[in-house]
Amino acid sequence: MLTKPHDPDAKLWYGVNWEDWLDDGVTIVTSTWSVPTGVTKISEGNTDTQSAVKVYIPAGVEGEEYIITNHIVASDGQEEDRSIKLKIRER
């Protein structure tokens, strides 16, 4: 699991690039992000590559750690998850 520092006042995009996992010609059909209580998901979506997805996360509570998870469904029917741990620390 990837760990990222996140300032309590930061408003940042986080993403997952699925290119290495997807077979040739397979694209992302749906992408959803799960975020824990205390984190607000402002926006989510695919990039123009159809193999990368992103989510916009604003702020967080100092000292907390949050795990955000991306779930995708691929055009060939496969499904998979990837998670990112956000460590909320003053930077």
C-alpha atoms as a PDB file:
ATOM      1  CA  MET A   1       0.000   0.000   0.000  1.00  0.00           C
ATOM      2  CA  LEU A   2       1.319   3.415  -0.971  1.00  0.00           C
ATOM      3  CA  THR A   3       1.666   5.931   1.906  1.00  0.00           C
ATOM      4  CA  LYS A   4       1.496   9.681   1.269  1.00  0.00           C
ATOM      5  CA  PRO A   5       1.980  12.621   3.655  1.00  0.00           C
ATOM      6  CA  HIS A   6      -0.917  15.078   3.601  1.00  0.00           C
ATOM      7  CA  ASP A   7      -0.894  18.477   5.312  1.00  0.00           C
ATOM      8  CA  PRO A   8      -4.057  19.184   7.386  1.00  0.00           C
ATOM      9  CA  ASP A   9      -4.760  22.247   5.210  1.00  0.00           C
ATOM     10  CA  ALA A  10      -3.870  20.655   1.854  1.00  0.00           C
ATOM     11  CA  LYS A  11      -6.389  20.110  -0.940  1.00  0.00           C
ATOM     12  CA  LEU A  12      -4.829  17.589  -3.309  1.00  0.00           C
ATOM     13  CA  TRP A  13      -5.553  15.106  -6.084  1.00  0.00           C
ATOM     14  CA  TYR A  14      -4.528  11.472  -5.515  1.00  0.00           C
ATOM     15  CA  GLY A  15      -4.573   8.832  -8.176  1.00  0.00           C
ATOM     16  CA  VAL A  16      -3.943   5.296  -9.279  1.00  0.00           C
ATOM     17  CA  ASN A  17      -2.503   4.386 -12.661  1.00  0.00           C
ATOM     18  CA  TRP A  18      -3.831   0.961 -13.662  1.00  0.00           C
ATOM     19  CA  GLU A  19      -1.852   0.722 -16.936  1.00  0.00           C
ATOM     20  CA  ASP A  20       0.439  -2.117 -15.757  1.00  0.00           C
ATOM     21  CA  TRP A  21      -2.524  -4.145 -14.459  1.00  0.00           C
ATOM     22  CA  LEU A  22      -4.826  -3.746 -17.489  1.00  0.00           C
ATOM     23  CA  ASP A  23      -4.304  -6.006 -20.503  1.00  0.00           C
ATOM     24  CA  ASP A  24      -3.830  -4.414 -23.943  1.00  0.00           C
ATOM     25  CA  GLY A  25      -7.069  -2.888 -25.195  1.00  0.00           C
ATOM     26  CA  VAL A  26      -8.789  -3.146 -21.799  1.00  0.00           C
ATOM     27  CA  THR A  27     -10.006   0.098 -20.215  1.00  0.00           C
ATOM     28  CA  ILE A  28     -11.657   1.188 -16.981  1.00  0.00           C
ATOM     29  CA  VAL A  29     -15.449   1.092 -17.206  1.00  0.00           C
ATOM     30  CA  THR A  30     -16.211   2.296 -13.669  1.00  0.00           C
ATOM     31  CA  SER A  31     -14.078   3.692 -10.879  1.00  0.00           C
ATOM     32  CA  THR A  32     -15.280   4.432  -7.354  1.00  0.00           C
ATOM     33  CA  TRP A  33     -13.373   5.776  -4.373  1.00  0.00           C
ATOM     34  CA  SER A  34     -14.156   4.829  -0.780  1.00  0.00           C
ATOM     35  CA  VAL A  35     -13.050   7.262   1.887  1.00  0.00           C
ATOM     36  CA  PRO A  36     -13.352   6.910   5.676  1.00  0.00           C
ATOM     37  CA  THR A  37     -15.377   9.090   7.998  1.00  0.00           C
ATOM     38  CA  GLY A  38     -13.528  12.351   8.512  1.00  0.00           C
ATOM     39  CA  VAL A  39     -12.434  12.632   4.886  1.00  0.00           C
ATOM     40  CA  THR A  40     -14.523  14.399   2.268  1.00  0.00           C
ATOM     41  CA  LYS A  41     -14.335  13.286  -1.347  1.00  0.00           C
ATOM     42  CA  ILE A  42     -14.863  16.384  -3.494  1.00  0.00           C
ATOM     43  CA  SER A  43     -14.486  14.937  -6.963  1.00  0.00           C
ATOM     44  CA  GLU A  44     -13.407  11.744  -8.698  1.00  0.00           C
ATOM     45  CA  GLY A  45     -12.977  10.567 -12.251  1.00  0.00           C
ATOM     46  CA  ASN A  46     -10.877   9.020 -14.962  1.00  0.00           C
ATOM     47  CA  THR A  47      -8.043  10.806 -16.672  1.00  0.00           C
ATOM     48  CA  ASP A  48      -7.951  10.976 -20.459  1.00  0.00           C
ATOM     49  CA  THR A  49      -5.879   7.763 -20.642  1.00  0.00           C
ATOM     50  CA  GLN A  50      -8.681   5.384 -19.513  1.00  0.00           C
ATOM     51  CA  SER A  51      -6.109   3.603 -17.354  1.00  0.00           C
ATOM     52  CA  ALA A  52      -5.660   6.146 -14.547  1.00  0.00           C
ATOM     53  CA  VAL A  53      -8.144   7.469 -12.005  1.00  0.00           C
ATOM     54  CA  LYS A  54      -8.035  10.266  -9.455  1.00  0.00           C
ATOM     55  CA  VAL A  55      -9.798  11.655  -6.403  1.00  0.00           C
ATOM     56  CA  TYR A  56      -9.675  15.137  -4.824  1.00  0.00           C
ATOM     57  CA  ILE A  57      -9.196  15.104  -1.034  1.00  0.00           C
ATOM     58  CA  PRO A  58      -9.291  18.322   1.000  1.00  0.00           C
ATOM     59  CA  ALA A  59      -7.731  18.698   4.454  1.00  0.00           C
ATOM     60  CA  GLY A  60      -7.747  16.194   7.287  1.00  0.00           C
ATOM     61  CA  VAL A  61      -7.327  15.974  11.038  1.00  0.00           C
ATOM     62  CA  GLU A  62      -3.743  16.432  12.288  1.00  0.00           C
ATOM     63  CA  GLY A  63      -2.242  13.160  13.523  1.00  0.00           C
ATOM     64  CA  GLU A  64      -4.807  10.904  11.819  1.00  0.00           C
ATOM     65  CA  GLU A  65      -4.152   8.319   9.125  1.00  0.00           C
ATOM     66  CA  TYR A  66      -6.767   7.584   6.491  1.00  0.00           C
ATOM     67  CA  ILE A  67      -6.963   4.808   3.931  1.00  0.00           C
ATOM     68  CA  ILE A  68      -8.669   5.712   0.670  1.00  0.00           C
ATOM     69  CA  THR A  69      -9.488   2.878  -1.725  1.00  0.00           C
ATOM     70  CA  ASN A  70     -10.122   2.861  -5.451  1.00  0.00           C
ATOM     71  CA  HIS A  71     -12.283   0.062  -6.908  1.00  0.00           C
ATOM     72  CA  ILE A  72     -12.421  -0.391 -10.668  1.00  0.00           C
ATOM     73  CA  VAL A  73     -14.348  -2.553 -13.097  1.00  0.00           C
ATOM     74  CA  ALA A  74     -12.499  -3.176 -16.360  1.00  0.00           C
ATOM     75  CA  SER A  75     -14.020  -3.571 -19.813  1.00  0.00           C
ATOM     76  CA  ASP A  76     -13.197  -7.305 -19.709  1.00  0.00           C
ATOM     77  CA  GLY A  77     -15.199  -7.729 -16.466  1.00  0.00           C
ATOM     78  CA  GLN A  78     -12.284  -7.949 -14.026  1.00  0.00           C
ATOM     79  CA  GLU A  79     -12.491  -5.969 -10.768  1.00  0.00           C
ATOM     80  CA  GLU A  80      -9.683  -4.830  -8.482  1.00  0.00           C
ATOM     81  CA  ASP A  81      -8.877  -2.457  -5.580  1.00  0.00           C
ATOM     82  CA  ARG A  82      -5.886  -0.263  -4.736  1.00  0.00           C
ATOM     83  CA  SER A  83      -5.486   1.717  -1.503  1.00  0.00           C
ATOM     84  CA  ILE A  84      -3.495   4.757  -0.465  1.00  0.00           C
ATOM     85  CA  LYS A  85      -2.736   5.608   3.170  1.00  0.00           C
ATOM     86  CA  LEU A  86      -2.782   9.339   3.903  1.00  0.00           C
ATOM     87  CA  LYS A  87      -0.776  10.418   6.960  1.00  0.00           C
ATOM     88  CA  ILE A  88      -2.074  13.796   8.108  1.00  0.00           C
ATOM     89  CA  ARG A  89       0.915  15.772   9.348  1.00  0.00           C
ATOM     90  CA  GLU A  90       1.920  19.442   9.308  1.00  0.00           C
ATOM     91  CA  ARG A  91       4.407  19.928   6.469  1.00  0.00           C
END
